[in-house]
Amino acid sequence: MDNDLDVPGGDEPTGPLPVVAIVGRPNVGKSTLVNRFLGRRAAVVQDIPGVTRDRIPYQALWNGKNFTVVDTGGWEPKATGMAASIARQAEYAMKTADVIVLVVDAAVGVTETDLAAARVLRRSKTPVILVANKVDDERGESNAAELWSLGLGEPFSVSALHGRGSGDLLDLVLDAMPEAPREQDDVGGPRRVALVGRPNVGKSSLINRLSK
């Protein structure tokens, strides 16, 4: 049943939902895992790093329980420019989450960025689940074992692309959720769009046109 995660039914949400933040360095399969959690292709996935640049919330349902899963851009400790802004969004998602899922590419192994993320998350009071992604078969399990060195407990092996282990991972995420979600800003609502440009190019006129 791992490949079919869109489970109908369940109670309609009546209050704040628990929040699960999916974090990790660029191009480890975070958005693919988000789509696997949702049971549909909602998060944008491309085979290049840096596609996701903001924290993007989606409502998910598993085994009758509603929760919010937040996709984030790639986190890098020494990022500059746009990458630094992306990293700050990921850090905010971690601070406001009820459960943090750290995704690591098991086929690549532990990188300096993974080690830096683990150092931060080891100090967190929020439950952290370490996911070894891109473990497509039993032969990849040996690669996943290397992730014990991150000091975040046992790595959970999945293939977000093919669905291997995803149902069991969702069960683990639900078990880690607190009874009551933490108080936080609403992660949903309308998206914000900034209109920028040099003086006298018609920005205000465009805003007026769009607001009609």
N, C-alpha and C. Protein backbone atom coordinates (compact mmCIF):
# COMPACT_ATOMS: atom_id res chain seq x y z
N MET A 1 0.81 -1.21 0.00
CA MET A 1 0.00 0.00 0.00
C MET A 1 0.85 1.26 0.00
N ASP A 2 2.17 1.14 -0.04
CA ASP A 2 3.03 2.32 0.06
C ASP A 2 2.82 3.28 -1.10
N ASN A 3 2.44 2.77 -2.27
CA ASN A 3 2.35 3.62 -3.44
C ASN A 3 1.03 4.36 -3.53
N ASP A 4 0.08 4.11 -2.64
CA ASP A 4 -1.21 4.76 -2.69
C ASP A 4 -1.49 5.40 -1.35
N LEU A 5 -1.11 6.67 -1.23
CA LEU A 5 -1.18 7.34 0.06
C LEU A 5 -2.34 8.30 0.18
N ASP A 6 -3.17 8.43 -0.87
CA ASP A 6 -4.29 9.36 -0.80
C ASP A 6 -5.46 8.65 -0.17
N VAL A 7 -5.57 8.74 1.15
CA VAL A 7 -6.55 7.97 1.89
C VAL A 7 -7.78 8.82 2.14
N PRO A 8 -8.95 8.43 1.62
CA PRO A 8 -10.15 9.22 1.82
C PRO A 8 -10.68 9.06 3.23
N GLY A 9 -11.64 9.90 3.56
CA GLY A 9 -12.28 9.78 4.87
C GLY A 9 -11.55 10.57 5.92
N GLY A 10 -11.86 10.25 7.20
CA GLY A 10 -11.23 10.97 8.29
C GLY A 10 -12.05 12.18 8.69
N ASP A 11 -11.78 12.69 9.86
CA ASP A 11 -12.51 13.84 10.37
C ASP A 11 -12.03 15.10 9.70
N GLU A 12 -12.95 16.03 9.48
CA GLU A 12 -12.57 17.33 8.98
C GLU A 12 -11.82 18.08 10.07
N PRO A 13 -10.76 18.84 9.73
CA PRO A 13 -10.02 19.57 10.76
C PRO A 13 -10.91 20.62 11.43
N THR A 14 -10.85 20.67 12.74
CA THR A 14 -11.67 21.62 13.50
C THR A 14 -10.81 22.61 14.28
N GLY A 15 -9.53 22.55 14.21
CA GLY A 15 -8.65 23.46 14.93
C GLY A 15 -7.27 23.46 14.29
N PRO A 16 -6.28 24.00 15.00
CA PRO A 16 -4.92 24.01 14.46
C PRO A 16 -4.44 22.60 14.16
N LEU A 17 -3.78 22.45 13.03
CA LEU A 17 -3.27 21.14 12.64
C LEU A 17 -1.81 20.99 13.04
N PRO A 18 -1.38 19.78 13.41
CA PRO A 18 0.05 19.55 13.62
C PRO A 18 0.81 19.85 12.34
N VAL A 19 2.02 20.35 12.49
CA VAL A 19 2.83 20.76 11.35
C VAL A 19 4.08 19.89 11.26
N VAL A 20 4.31 19.36 10.06
CA VAL A 20 5.49 18.53 9.79
C VAL A 20 6.34 19.27 8.77
N ALA A 21 7.56 19.62 9.14
CA ALA A 21 8.47 20.33 8.24
C ALA A 21 9.42 19.34 7.59
N ILE A 22 9.50 19.39 6.26
CA ILE A 22 10.42 18.55 5.50
C ILE A 22 11.63 19.40 5.14
N VAL A 23 12.80 19.06 5.69
CA VAL A 23 13.98 19.90 5.51
C VAL A 23 15.17 19.06 5.05
N GLY A 24 16.19 19.76 4.58
CA GLY A 24 17.40 19.09 4.12
C GLY A 24 18.11 19.95 3.11
N ARG A 25 19.28 19.52 2.71
CA ARG A 25 20.04 20.30 1.73
C ARG A 25 19.36 20.21 0.36
N PRO A 26 19.82 21.02 -0.62
CA PRO A 26 19.17 21.00 -1.93
C PRO A 26 19.27 19.63 -2.62
N ASN A 27 18.22 19.30 -3.36
CA ASN A 27 18.23 18.16 -4.28
C ASN A 27 18.35 16.81 -3.61
N VAL A 28 17.72 16.65 -2.42
CA VAL A 28 17.72 15.34 -1.77
C VAL A 28 16.37 14.65 -1.90
N GLY A 29 15.40 15.32 -2.55
CA GLY A 29 14.10 14.70 -2.77
C GLY A 29 13.03 15.14 -1.80
N LYS A 30 13.16 16.35 -1.24
CA LYS A 30 12.17 16.82 -0.26
C LYS A 30 10.79 16.98 -0.88
N SER A 31 10.72 17.64 -2.03
CA SER A 31 9.42 17.87 -2.67
C SER A 31 8.79 16.56 -3.14
N THR A 32 9.62 15.62 -3.58
CA THR A 32 9.10 14.31 -3.97
C THR A 32 8.50 13.60 -2.77
N LEU A 33 9.15 13.74 -1.61
CA LEU A 33 8.61 13.13 -0.39
C LEU A 33 7.32 13.82 0.03
N VAL A 34 7.25 15.14 -0.12
CA VAL A 34 6.01 15.85 0.18
C VAL A 34 4.87 15.32 -0.67
N ASN A 35 5.11 15.16 -1.96
CA ASN A 35 4.08 14.62 -2.84
C ASN A 35 3.68 13.20 -2.43
N ARG A 36 4.63 12.43 -1.96
CA ARG A 36 4.31 11.08 -1.49
C ARG A 36 3.44 11.14 -0.25
N PHE A 37 3.71 12.09 0.64
CA PHE A 37 2.86 12.28 1.82
C PHE A 37 1.44 12.68 1.42
N LEU A 38 1.33 13.51 0.39
CA LEU A 38 0.04 14.02 -0.02
C LEU A 38 -0.75 13.02 -0.86
N GLY A 39 -0.05 12.11 -1.50
CA GLY A 39 -0.71 11.17 -2.39
C GLY A 39 -1.06 11.78 -3.74
N ARG A 40 -0.45 12.92 -4.06
CA ARG A 40 -0.69 13.56 -5.34
C ARG A 40 0.50 14.47 -5.65
N ARG A 41 0.60 14.88 -6.89
CA ARG A 41 1.71 15.75 -7.28
C ARG A 41 1.29 17.21 -7.11
N ALA A 42 1.60 17.75 -5.94
CA ALA A 42 1.28 19.14 -5.64
C ALA A 42 2.55 19.99 -5.60
N ALA A 43 3.59 19.48 -4.95
CA ALA A 43 4.86 20.20 -4.87
C ALA A 43 5.61 20.06 -6.20
N VAL A 44 6.23 21.15 -6.63
CA VAL A 44 6.96 21.15 -7.90
C VAL A 44 8.25 20.36 -7.74
N VAL A 45 8.47 19.43 -8.67
CA VAL A 45 9.66 18.58 -8.63
C VAL A 45 10.38 18.68 -9.97
N GLN A 46 11.67 19.02 -9.93
CA GLN A 46 12.52 18.99 -11.11
C GLN A 46 13.86 18.41 -10.72
N ASP A 47 14.57 17.89 -11.69
CA ASP A 47 15.85 17.24 -11.42
C ASP A 47 16.99 18.25 -11.37
N ILE A 48 16.72 19.39 -10.76
CA ILE A 48 17.75 20.41 -10.54
C ILE A 48 17.54 20.98 -9.16
N PRO A 49 18.61 21.39 -8.47
CA PRO A 49 18.43 21.95 -7.13
C PRO A 49 17.86 23.35 -7.18
N GLY A 50 17.24 23.77 -6.08
CA GLY A 50 16.81 25.16 -5.93
C GLY A 50 15.45 25.49 -6.50
N VAL A 51 14.65 24.46 -6.85
CA VAL A 51 13.33 24.76 -7.41
C VAL A 51 12.41 25.34 -6.33
N THR A 52 12.40 24.75 -5.14
CA THR A 52 11.61 25.26 -4.03
C THR A 52 12.40 26.34 -3.30
N ARG A 53 11.81 27.55 -3.20
CA ARG A 53 12.54 28.67 -2.60
C ARG A 53 11.86 29.24 -1.36
N ASP A 54 10.70 28.75 -1.03
CA ASP A 54 9.96 29.26 0.11
C ASP A 54 9.42 28.07 0.89
N ARG A 55 8.87 28.32 2.07
CA ARG A 55 8.18 27.24 2.77
C ARG A 55 6.74 27.21 2.27
N ILE A 56 6.30 26.06 1.82
CA ILE A 56 5.00 25.94 1.18
C ILE A 56 4.19 24.88 1.91
N PRO A 57 3.07 25.27 2.55
CA PRO A 57 2.27 24.32 3.32
C PRO A 57 1.22 23.61 2.48
N TYR A 58 0.97 22.37 2.81
CA TYR A 58 -0.09 21.60 2.18
C TYR A 58 -0.83 20.83 3.29
N GLN A 59 -2.13 20.66 3.12
CA GLN A 59 -2.87 19.84 4.08
C GLN A 59 -2.80 18.39 3.65
N ALA A 60 -2.45 17.52 4.57
CA ALA A 60 -2.31 16.09 4.30
C ALA A 60 -3.23 15.29 5.20
N LEU A 61 -3.48 14.06 4.79
CA LEU A 61 -4.34 13.16 5.55
C LEU A 61 -3.75 11.76 5.50
N TRP A 62 -3.60 11.16 6.68
CA TRP A 62 -3.10 9.78 6.75
C TRP A 62 -3.76 9.07 7.92
N ASN A 63 -4.31 7.91 7.65
CA ASN A 63 -4.97 7.10 8.67
C ASN A 63 -5.99 7.90 9.49
N GLY A 64 -6.74 8.76 8.79
CA GLY A 64 -7.79 9.53 9.43
C GLY A 64 -7.34 10.76 10.18
N LYS A 65 -6.04 11.08 10.13
CA LYS A 65 -5.52 12.24 10.86
C LYS A 65 -5.07 13.32 9.87
N ASN A 66 -5.57 14.52 10.06
CA ASN A 66 -5.17 15.66 9.23
C ASN A 66 -3.94 16.33 9.84
N PHE A 67 -3.06 16.79 8.99
CA PHE A 67 -1.90 17.56 9.43
C PHE A 67 -1.41 18.41 8.29
N THR A 68 -0.55 19.34 8.59
CA THR A 68 0.05 20.21 7.58
C THR A 68 1.48 19.75 7.33
N VAL A 69 1.82 19.54 6.07
CA VAL A 69 3.20 19.22 5.71
C VAL A 69 3.78 20.42 4.97
N VAL A 70 4.96 20.85 5.38
CA VAL A 70 5.58 22.06 4.83
C VAL A 70 6.81 21.69 4.02
N ASP A 71 6.76 22.00 2.73
CA ASP A 71 7.91 21.82 1.87
C ASP A 71 8.82 23.04 2.02
N THR A 72 10.13 22.81 2.02
CA THR A 72 11.08 23.92 2.19
C THR A 72 12.15 23.85 1.12
N GLY A 73 12.81 24.99 0.92
CA GLY A 73 13.94 25.02 0.01
C GLY A 73 15.16 24.38 0.65
N GLY A 74 16.18 24.19 -0.14
CA GLY A 74 17.40 23.55 0.36
C GLY A 74 18.09 24.40 1.41
N TRP A 75 18.45 23.76 2.53
CA TRP A 75 19.11 24.47 3.63
C TRP A 75 20.61 24.28 3.53
N GLU A 76 21.34 25.40 3.56
CA GLU A 76 22.79 25.37 3.55
C GLU A 76 23.31 26.33 4.61
N PRO A 77 24.28 25.92 5.45
CA PRO A 77 24.69 26.74 6.59
C PRO A 77 25.44 28.00 6.22
N LYS A 78 26.14 28.02 5.10
CA LYS A 78 26.95 29.18 4.71
C LYS A 78 26.40 29.84 3.47
N ALA A 79 25.09 29.78 3.30
CA ALA A 79 24.47 30.33 2.10
C ALA A 79 24.56 31.85 2.09
N THR A 80 24.60 32.42 0.89
CA THR A 80 24.59 33.87 0.71
C THR A 80 23.55 34.23 -0.34
N GLY A 81 23.16 35.51 -0.36
CA GLY A 81 22.23 35.98 -1.37
C GLY A 81 20.88 35.28 -1.26
N MET A 82 20.34 34.89 -2.42
CA MET A 82 19.05 34.22 -2.47
C MET A 82 19.05 32.93 -1.66
N ALA A 83 20.15 32.19 -1.71
CA ALA A 83 20.24 30.93 -0.96
C ALA A 83 20.12 31.17 0.54
N ALA A 84 20.62 32.30 1.03
CA ALA A 84 20.50 32.61 2.45
C ALA A 84 19.05 32.86 2.83
N SER A 85 18.31 33.54 1.95
CA SER A 85 16.88 33.77 2.20
C SER A 85 16.12 32.45 2.23
N ILE A 86 16.47 31.55 1.33
CA ILE A 86 15.84 30.23 1.29
C ILE A 86 16.14 29.48 2.59
N ALA A 87 17.38 29.56 3.05
CA ALA A 87 17.77 28.88 4.28
C ALA A 87 17.00 29.42 5.48
N ARG A 88 16.78 30.74 5.52
CA ARG A 88 16.03 31.33 6.64
C ARG A 88 14.58 30.82 6.66
N GLN A 89 14.00 30.66 5.48
CA GLN A 89 12.65 30.11 5.42
C GLN A 89 12.61 28.69 5.96
N ALA A 90 13.62 27.90 5.61
CA ALA A 90 13.68 26.53 6.12
C ALA A 90 13.87 26.52 7.63
N GLU A 91 14.69 27.43 8.13
CA GLU A 91 14.93 27.51 9.58
C GLU A 91 13.65 27.91 10.32
N TYR A 92 12.88 28.82 9.74
CA TYR A 92 11.61 29.20 10.36
C TYR A 92 10.66 28.01 10.40
N ALA A 93 10.63 27.24 9.31
CA ALA A 93 9.77 26.05 9.27
C ALA A 93 10.15 25.08 10.37
N MET A 94 11.46 24.93 10.62
CA MET A 94 11.90 24.02 11.68
C MET A 94 11.47 24.52 13.05
N LYS A 95 11.57 25.83 13.27
CA LYS A 95 11.24 26.41 14.58
C LYS A 95 9.76 26.31 14.90
N THR A 96 8.91 26.31 13.88
CA THR A 96 7.47 26.35 14.10
C THR A 96 6.81 24.99 13.88
N ALA A 97 7.59 23.94 13.63
CA ALA A 97 7.04 22.62 13.35
C ALA A 97 6.81 21.83 14.63
N ASP A 98 5.90 20.88 14.55
CA ASP A 98 5.67 19.93 15.63
C ASP A 98 6.51 18.67 15.43
N VAL A 99 6.85 18.38 14.19
CA VAL A 99 7.74 17.26 13.84
C VAL A 99 8.63 17.73 12.70
N ILE A 100 9.91 17.41 12.78
CA ILE A 100 10.87 17.76 11.72
C ILE A 100 11.34 16.48 11.05
N VAL A 101 11.26 16.46 9.72
CA VAL A 101 11.77 15.33 8.94
C VAL A 101 13.00 15.82 8.18
N LEU A 102 14.17 15.33 8.56
CA LEU A 102 15.41 15.67 7.87
C LEU A 102 15.67 14.63 6.79
N VAL A 103 15.72 15.08 5.55
CA VAL A 103 15.92 14.18 4.41
C VAL A 103 17.37 14.23 3.96
N VAL A 104 17.97 13.05 3.83
CA VAL A 104 19.36 12.92 3.37
C VAL A 104 19.37 11.97 2.18
N ASP A 105 20.19 12.28 1.19
CA ASP A 105 20.34 11.41 0.02
C ASP A 105 21.28 10.27 0.37
N ALA A 106 20.73 9.08 0.60
CA ALA A 106 21.55 7.94 1.01
C ALA A 106 22.51 7.51 -0.08
N ALA A 107 22.16 7.77 -1.34
CA ALA A 107 23.05 7.38 -2.44
C ALA A 107 24.32 8.22 -2.47
N VAL A 108 24.23 9.45 -1.96
CA VAL A 108 25.39 10.35 -1.91
C VAL A 108 26.16 10.15 -0.61
N GLY A 109 25.44 9.91 0.48
CA GLY A 109 26.08 9.78 1.78
C GLY A 109 26.06 11.09 2.53
N VAL A 110 26.67 11.09 3.69
CA VAL A 110 26.66 12.26 4.57
C VAL A 110 27.58 13.34 4.01
N THR A 111 27.07 14.55 3.90
CA THR A 111 27.85 15.70 3.44
C THR A 111 28.07 16.66 4.60
N GLU A 112 28.91 17.65 4.39
CA GLU A 112 29.14 18.67 5.42
C GLU A 112 27.86 19.42 5.75
N THR A 113 27.02 19.65 4.76
CA THR A 113 25.74 20.32 5.00
C THR A 113 24.84 19.45 5.86
N ASP A 114 24.81 18.15 5.60
CA ASP A 114 24.01 17.24 6.43
C ASP A 114 24.51 17.26 7.88
N LEU A 115 25.83 17.27 8.06
CA LEU A 115 26.40 17.31 9.40
C LEU A 115 26.02 18.60 10.12
N ALA A 116 26.04 19.73 9.38
CA ALA A 116 25.68 21.01 9.99
C ALA A 116 24.21 21.01 10.39
N ALA A 117 23.35 20.47 9.55
CA ALA A 117 21.93 20.40 9.88
C ALA A 117 21.71 19.52 11.10
N ALA A 118 22.42 18.41 11.17
CA ALA A 118 22.27 17.50 12.31
C ALA A 118 22.71 18.16 13.60
N ARG A 119 23.77 18.98 13.55
CA ARG A 119 24.23 19.67 14.76
C ARG A 119 23.15 20.60 15.28
N VAL A 120 22.45 21.28 14.37
CA VAL A 120 21.37 22.17 14.77
C VAL A 120 20.21 21.38 15.35
N LEU A 121 19.84 20.30 14.68
CA LEU A 121 18.65 19.54 15.07
C LEU A 121 18.85 18.72 16.33
N ARG A 122 20.09 18.37 16.63
CA ARG A 122 20.34 17.64 17.87
C ARG A 122 20.02 18.49 19.10
N ARG A 123 20.04 19.81 18.95
CA ARG A 123 19.71 20.72 20.05
C ARG A 123 18.22 21.04 20.11
N SER A 124 17.47 20.61 19.11
CA SER A 124 16.06 20.93 19.05
C SER A 124 15.25 20.09 20.02
N LYS A 125 14.24 20.70 20.61
CA LYS A 125 13.33 19.97 21.48
C LYS A 125 12.17 19.35 20.68
N THR A 126 12.12 19.65 19.40
CA THR A 126 11.09 19.10 18.52
C THR A 126 11.51 17.72 18.05
N PRO A 127 10.59 16.75 17.99
CA PRO A 127 10.94 15.43 17.47
C PRO A 127 11.51 15.51 16.06
N VAL A 128 12.61 14.80 15.84
CA VAL A 128 13.27 14.79 14.53
C VAL A 128 13.30 13.35 14.00
N ILE A 129 12.86 13.18 12.77
CA ILE A 129 12.92 11.89 12.10
C ILE A 129 13.94 12.00 10.97
N LEU A 130 14.93 11.14 11.00
CA LEU A 130 15.97 11.13 9.99
C LEU A 130 15.58 10.17 8.87
N VAL A 131 15.48 10.68 7.65
CA VAL A 131 15.05 9.89 6.50
C VAL A 131 16.20 9.72 5.53
N ALA A 132 16.50 8.46 5.22
CA ALA A 132 17.48 8.14 4.18
C ALA A 132 16.72 7.93 2.89
N ASN A 133 16.75 8.92 2.03
CA ASN A 133 15.98 8.84 0.79
C ASN A 133 16.81 8.19 -0.33
N LYS A 134 16.12 7.79 -1.37
CA LYS A 134 16.70 7.17 -2.57
C LYS A 134 17.26 5.78 -2.28
N VAL A 135 16.64 5.09 -1.31
CA VAL A 135 16.97 3.69 -1.05
C VAL A 135 15.94 2.87 -1.81
N ASP A 136 16.25 2.54 -3.05
CA ASP A 136 15.27 1.92 -3.93
C ASP A 136 15.12 0.42 -3.72
N ASP A 137 16.11 -0.21 -3.10
CA ASP A 137 16.02 -1.65 -2.88
C ASP A 137 16.89 -2.01 -1.67
N GLU A 138 16.94 -3.29 -1.36
CA GLU A 138 17.68 -3.73 -0.17
C GLU A 138 19.18 -3.44 -0.29
N ARG A 139 19.68 -3.38 -1.50
CA ARG A 139 21.11 -3.09 -1.66
C ARG A 139 21.47 -1.69 -1.17
N GLY A 140 20.49 -0.78 -1.18
CA GLY A 140 20.75 0.58 -0.72
C GLY A 140 20.73 0.73 0.78
N GLU A 141 20.33 -0.33 1.50
CA GLU A 141 20.25 -0.23 2.96
C GLU A 141 21.62 0.00 3.59
N SER A 142 22.66 -0.53 2.98
CA SER A 142 24.01 -0.33 3.53
C SER A 142 24.41 1.14 3.46
N ASN A 143 23.97 1.83 2.40
CA ASN A 143 24.24 3.26 2.30
C ASN A 143 23.51 4.03 3.40
N ALA A 144 22.28 3.59 3.69
CA ALA A 144 21.50 4.27 4.71
C ALA A 144 22.13 4.13 6.08
N ALA A 145 22.80 3.00 6.33
CA ALA A 145 23.39 2.76 7.65
C ALA A 145 24.44 3.80 8.00
N GLU A 146 25.06 4.41 6.98
CA GLU A 146 26.08 5.43 7.23
C GLU A 146 25.51 6.64 7.96
N LEU A 147 24.19 6.84 7.84
CA LEU A 147 23.57 8.04 8.41
C LEU A 147 23.46 7.99 9.93
N TRP A 148 23.75 6.84 10.52
CA TRP A 148 23.82 6.78 11.98
C TRP A 148 24.82 7.81 12.51
N SER A 149 25.85 8.12 11.72
CA SER A 149 26.90 9.05 12.16
C SER A 149 26.38 10.45 12.42
N LEU A 150 25.16 10.77 11.96
CA LEU A 150 24.60 12.10 12.19
C LEU A 150 24.12 12.30 13.62
N GLY A 151 24.01 11.22 14.39
CA GLY A 151 23.63 11.34 15.79
C GLY A 151 22.17 11.68 16.01
N LEU A 152 21.31 11.34 15.06
CA LEU A 152 19.88 11.62 15.18
C LEU A 152 19.07 10.34 15.30
N GLY A 153 19.72 9.27 15.69
CA GLY A 153 19.03 8.01 15.83
C GLY A 153 19.02 7.21 14.54
N GLU A 154 18.16 6.21 14.51
CA GLU A 154 18.13 5.30 13.36
C GLU A 154 17.58 5.98 12.12
N PRO A 155 18.31 5.92 11.00
CA PRO A 155 17.78 6.48 9.75
C PRO A 155 16.68 5.59 9.20
N PHE A 156 15.61 6.21 8.72
CA PHE A 156 14.48 5.46 8.16
C PHE A 156 14.61 5.48 6.65
N SER A 157 14.73 4.32 6.04
CA SER A 157 14.98 4.21 4.61
C SER A 157 13.69 4.29 3.81
N VAL A 158 13.70 5.15 2.79
CA VAL A 158 12.56 5.25 1.89
C VAL A 158 13.07 5.51 0.46
N SER A 159 12.17 5.29 -0.48
CA SER A 159 12.35 5.81 -1.83
C SER A 159 11.14 6.68 -2.11
N ALA A 160 11.32 7.99 -1.97
CA ALA A 160 10.20 8.90 -2.18
C ALA A 160 9.67 8.79 -3.60
N LEU A 161 10.56 8.53 -4.55
CA LEU A 161 10.17 8.45 -5.94
C LEU A 161 9.28 7.23 -6.21
N HIS A 162 9.66 6.10 -5.65
CA HIS A 162 8.95 4.85 -5.93
C HIS A 162 7.97 4.45 -4.82
N GLY A 163 7.99 5.14 -3.69
CA GLY A 163 7.05 4.85 -2.61
C GLY A 163 7.52 3.82 -1.61
N ARG A 164 8.69 3.29 -1.78
CA ARG A 164 9.19 2.26 -0.87
C ARG A 164 9.31 2.81 0.55
N GLY A 165 8.62 2.20 1.51
CA GLY A 165 8.72 2.60 2.91
C GLY A 165 7.93 3.82 3.30
N SER A 166 7.21 4.44 2.35
CA SER A 166 6.57 5.72 2.65
C SER A 166 5.39 5.59 3.60
N GLY A 167 4.62 4.51 3.48
CA GLY A 167 3.51 4.31 4.40
C GLY A 167 3.97 4.14 5.83
N ASP A 168 5.03 3.33 6.03
CA ASP A 168 5.58 3.14 7.37
C ASP A 168 6.15 4.44 7.92
N LEU A 169 6.74 5.26 7.04
CA LEU A 169 7.26 6.55 7.49
C LEU A 169 6.14 7.45 7.96
N LEU A 170 5.03 7.47 7.24
CA LEU A 170 3.90 8.28 7.66
C LEU A 170 3.36 7.82 9.02
N ASP A 171 3.33 6.52 9.25
CA ASP A 171 2.93 6.02 10.57
C ASP A 171 3.86 6.56 11.64
N LEU A 172 5.16 6.57 11.35
CA LEU A 172 6.15 7.06 12.30
C LEU A 172 5.96 8.55 12.57
N VAL A 173 5.65 9.32 11.52
CA VAL A 173 5.41 10.75 11.67
C VAL A 173 4.20 10.99 12.57
N LEU A 174 3.13 10.25 12.34
CA LEU A 174 1.94 10.41 13.18
C LEU A 174 2.23 10.06 14.63
N ASP A 175 3.02 9.03 14.86
CA ASP A 175 3.37 8.65 16.24
C ASP A 175 4.17 9.73 16.94
N ALA A 176 4.96 10.50 16.18
CA ALA A 176 5.81 11.54 16.77
C ALA A 176 5.06 12.83 17.05
N MET A 177 3.87 12.97 16.51
CA MET A 177 3.11 14.21 16.69
C MET A 177 2.63 14.35 18.13
N PRO A 178 2.71 15.56 18.67
CA PRO A 178 2.17 15.79 20.02
C PRO A 178 0.65 15.77 19.99
N GLU A 179 0.06 15.65 21.16
CA GLU A 179 -1.40 15.65 21.24
C GLU A 179 -1.98 16.97 20.77
N ALA A 180 -1.31 18.06 21.09
CA ALA A 180 -1.79 19.38 20.68
C ALA A 180 -0.67 20.09 19.92
N PRO A 181 -0.95 20.64 18.74
CA PRO A 181 0.08 21.37 18.00
C PRO A 181 0.48 22.64 18.71
N ARG A 182 1.70 23.09 18.45
CA ARG A 182 2.17 24.32 19.09
C ARG A 182 1.49 25.54 18.48
N GLU A 183 1.43 26.63 19.26
CA GLU A 183 0.88 27.87 18.74
C GLU A 183 1.86 28.46 17.75
N GLN A 184 1.34 28.93 16.63
CA GLN A 184 2.21 29.50 15.60
C GLN A 184 1.39 30.32 14.64
N ASP A 185 2.09 31.06 13.80
CA ASP A 185 1.42 31.85 12.77
C ASP A 185 0.77 30.91 11.78
N ASP A 186 -0.31 31.36 11.18
CA ASP A 186 -0.98 30.57 10.16
C ASP A 186 -0.06 30.44 8.96
N VAL A 187 0.27 29.18 8.59
CA VAL A 187 1.18 28.97 7.46
C VAL A 187 0.43 28.92 6.15
N GLY A 188 -0.89 29.01 6.20
CA GLY A 188 -1.66 29.00 4.97
C GLY A 188 -1.97 30.42 4.53
N GLY A 189 -3.11 30.60 3.88
CA GLY A 189 -3.51 31.93 3.47
C GLY A 189 -2.96 32.29 2.11
N PRO A 190 -3.25 33.50 1.66
CA PRO A 190 -2.83 33.91 0.32
C PRO A 190 -1.33 34.09 0.21
N ARG A 191 -0.81 33.85 -0.98
CA ARG A 191 0.61 34.09 -1.25
C ARG A 191 0.85 35.58 -1.47
N ARG A 192 2.04 36.05 -1.13
CA ARG A 192 2.39 37.44 -1.32
C ARG A 192 3.23 37.59 -2.58
N VAL A 193 2.92 38.61 -3.37
CA VAL A 193 3.65 38.89 -4.61
C VAL A 193 4.19 40.30 -4.54
N ALA A 194 5.48 40.46 -4.80
CA ALA A 194 6.09 41.78 -4.78
C ALA A 194 6.29 42.28 -6.21
N LEU A 195 5.88 43.51 -6.47
CA LEU A 195 6.13 44.15 -7.75
C LEU A 195 7.30 45.10 -7.57
N VAL A 196 8.36 44.90 -8.31
CA VAL A 196 9.56 45.72 -8.17
C VAL A 196 9.97 46.26 -9.53
N GLY A 197 10.75 47.30 -9.51
CA GLY A 197 11.24 47.89 -10.75
C GLY A 197 11.76 49.29 -10.48
N ARG A 198 12.38 49.91 -11.49
CA ARG A 198 12.90 51.25 -11.31
C ARG A 198 11.75 52.25 -11.24
N PRO A 199 12.01 53.48 -10.79
CA PRO A 199 10.94 54.48 -10.68
C PRO A 199 10.26 54.76 -12.02
N ASN A 200 8.96 55.04 -11.95
CA ASN A 200 8.17 55.53 -13.08
C ASN A 200 8.04 54.51 -14.22
N VAL A 201 7.92 53.24 -13.86
CA VAL A 201 7.70 52.22 -14.90
C VAL A 201 6.27 51.68 -14.86
N GLY A 202 5.43 52.18 -13.93
CA GLY A 202 4.04 51.78 -13.93
C GLY A 202 3.67 50.74 -12.91
N LYS A 203 4.45 50.64 -11.82
CA LYS A 203 4.14 49.62 -10.81
C LYS A 203 2.79 49.88 -10.16
N SER A 204 2.52 51.15 -9.77
CA SER A 204 1.26 51.47 -9.12
C SER A 204 0.08 51.26 -10.05
N SER A 205 0.25 51.60 -11.30
CA SER A 205 -0.83 51.39 -12.27
C SER A 205 -1.15 49.91 -12.42
N LEU A 206 -0.11 49.08 -12.40
CA LEU A 206 -0.33 47.65 -12.52
C LEU A 206 -1.05 47.10 -11.29
N ILE A 207 -0.66 47.57 -10.08
CA ILE A 207 -1.35 47.16 -8.87
C ILE A 207 -2.82 47.53 -8.91
N ASN A 208 -3.09 48.77 -9.36
CA ASN A 208 -4.49 49.20 -9.48
C ASN A 208 -5.28 48.34 -10.44
N ARG A 209 -4.64 47.94 -11.55
CA ARG A 209 -5.32 47.10 -12.53
C ARG A 209 -5.59 45.72 -11.95
N LEU A 210 -4.62 45.16 -11.23
CA LEU A 210 -4.79 43.81 -10.68
C LEU A 210 -5.81 43.77 -9.56
N SER A 211 -5.99 44.88 -8.84
CA SER A 211 -6.90 44.89 -7.70
C SER A 211 -8.36 45.11 -8.12
N LYS A 212 -8.63 45.36 -9.37
CA LYS A 212 -10.01 45.59 -9.81
C LYS A 212 -10.76 44.27 -9.92
